[in-house]
């Protein structure tokens, strides 16, 4: 099984704003309230990624 990873695809300066799962292509958006601090934005993406269940779009 291919390993899943979180990849940041949109940055606001040095703050990550949008991430994607490299396995299932699910997008994760950082809430506006977390964009004020880089550490809050990183934690938001990490939590969303860790808690999601991959569903491959090409799976039957």
C-alpha atoms as a PDB file:
ATOM      1  CA  UNK A   1       0.000   0.000   0.000  1.00  0.00           C
ATOM      2  CA  UNK A   2       1.236   3.443  -0.933  1.00  0.00           C
ATOM      3  CA  UNK A   3       2.062   5.652   2.049  1.00  0.00           C
ATOM      4  CA  UNK A   4      -0.047   8.760   2.550  1.00  0.00           C
ATOM      5  CA  UNK A   5       1.530  12.136   3.226  1.00  0.00           C
ATOM      6  CA  UNK A   6       0.346  15.661   3.866  1.00  0.00           C
ATOM      7  CA  UNK A   7       1.585  18.181   1.306  1.00  0.00           C
ATOM      8  CA  UNK A   8       0.998  21.925   1.620  1.00  0.00           C
ATOM      9  CA  UNK A   9      -0.287  23.317  -1.676  1.00  0.00           C
ATOM     10  CA  UNK A  10      -1.043  26.923  -0.698  1.00  0.00           C
ATOM     11  CA  UNK A  11       0.907  29.305   1.504  1.00  0.00           C
ATOM     12  CA  UNK A  12       0.080  32.772   2.807  1.00  0.00           C
ATOM     13  CA  UNK A  13       3.603  34.081   3.264  1.00  0.00           C
ATOM     14  CA  UNK A  14       5.185  31.527   5.599  1.00  0.00           C
ATOM     15  CA  UNK A  15       1.848  30.216   6.900  1.00  0.00           C
ATOM     16  CA  UNK A  16       0.404  27.015   5.416  1.00  0.00           C
ATOM     17  CA  UNK A  17      -3.193  27.617   4.266  1.00  0.00           C
ATOM     18  CA  UNK A  18      -4.230  24.502   2.307  1.00  0.00           C
ATOM     19  CA  UNK A  19      -2.933  20.936   2.420  1.00  0.00           C
ATOM     20  CA  UNK A  20      -3.698  17.798   0.449  1.00  0.00           C
ATOM     21  CA  UNK A  21      -3.388  14.071   1.147  1.00  0.00           C
ATOM     22  CA  UNK A  22      -1.010  12.603  -1.440  1.00  0.00           C
ATOM     23  CA  UNK A  23      -2.887   9.275  -1.355  1.00  0.00           C
ATOM     24  CA  UNK A  24      -6.554  10.246  -1.750  1.00  0.00           C
ATOM     25  CA  UNK A  25      -6.262  13.912  -2.855  1.00  0.00           C
ATOM     26  CA  UNK A  26      -8.486  15.199  -0.057  1.00  0.00           C
ATOM     27  CA  UNK A  27      -8.054  18.930   0.626  1.00  0.00           C
ATOM     28  CA  UNK A  28      -7.614  20.385   4.108  1.00  0.00           C
ATOM     29  CA  UNK A  29      -8.243  24.085   4.704  1.00  0.00           C
ATOM     30  CA  UNK A  30      -6.894  26.035   7.658  1.00  0.00           C
ATOM     31  CA  UNK A  31      -9.651  28.051   9.381  1.00  0.00           C
ATOM     32  CA  UNK A  32      -9.251  31.838   9.324  1.00  0.00           C
ATOM     33  CA  UNK A  33      -8.793  31.910  13.103  1.00  0.00           C
ATOM     34  CA  UNK A  34      -5.755  29.611  12.868  1.00  0.00           C
ATOM     35  CA  UNK A  35      -4.051  31.613  10.115  1.00  0.00           C
ATOM     36  CA  UNK A  36      -2.825  34.227  12.606  1.00  0.00           C
ATOM     37  CA  UNK A  37      -0.070  31.950  13.935  1.00  0.00           C
ATOM     38  CA  UNK A  38       2.066  29.558  11.889  1.00  0.00           C
ATOM     39  CA  UNK A  39       2.036  26.965  14.677  1.00  0.00           C
ATOM     40  CA  UNK A  40      -1.789  27.029  14.874  1.00  0.00           C
ATOM     41  CA  UNK A  41      -2.072  26.604  11.099  1.00  0.00           C
ATOM     42  CA  UNK A  42       0.380  23.690  11.110  1.00  0.00           C
ATOM     43  CA  UNK A  43      -1.451  22.012  13.981  1.00  0.00           C
ATOM     44  CA  UNK A  44      -4.825  22.454  12.259  1.00  0.00           C
ATOM     45  CA  UNK A  45      -3.571  20.754   9.092  1.00  0.00           C
ATOM     46  CA  UNK A  46      -1.888  17.977  11.079  1.00  0.00           C
ATOM     47  CA  UNK A  47      -5.048  17.205  13.074  1.00  0.00           C
ATOM     48  CA  UNK A  48      -7.296  17.225   9.988  1.00  0.00           C
ATOM     49  CA  UNK A  49      -4.887  14.957   8.105  1.00  0.00           C
ATOM     50  CA  UNK A  50      -4.424  12.526  11.000  1.00  0.00           C
ATOM     51  CA  UNK A  51      -8.162  12.174  11.605  1.00  0.00           C
ATOM     52  CA  UNK A  52      -9.263  11.641   8.003  1.00  0.00           C
ATOM     53  CA  UNK A  53      -9.862   8.248   6.417  1.00  0.00           C
ATOM     54  CA  UNK A  54      -8.515   7.851   2.890  1.00  0.00           C
ATOM     55  CA  UNK A  55     -11.021   7.045   0.173  1.00  0.00           C
ATOM     56  CA  UNK A  56      -9.320   6.678  -3.191  1.00  0.00           C
ATOM     57  CA  UNK A  57     -11.432   8.173  -5.985  1.00  0.00           C
ATOM     58  CA  UNK A  58     -10.558   5.229  -8.264  1.00  0.00           C
ATOM     59  CA  UNK A  59     -11.503   2.551  -5.707  1.00  0.00           C
ATOM     60  CA  UNK A  60     -14.578   0.488  -6.490  1.00  0.00           C
END
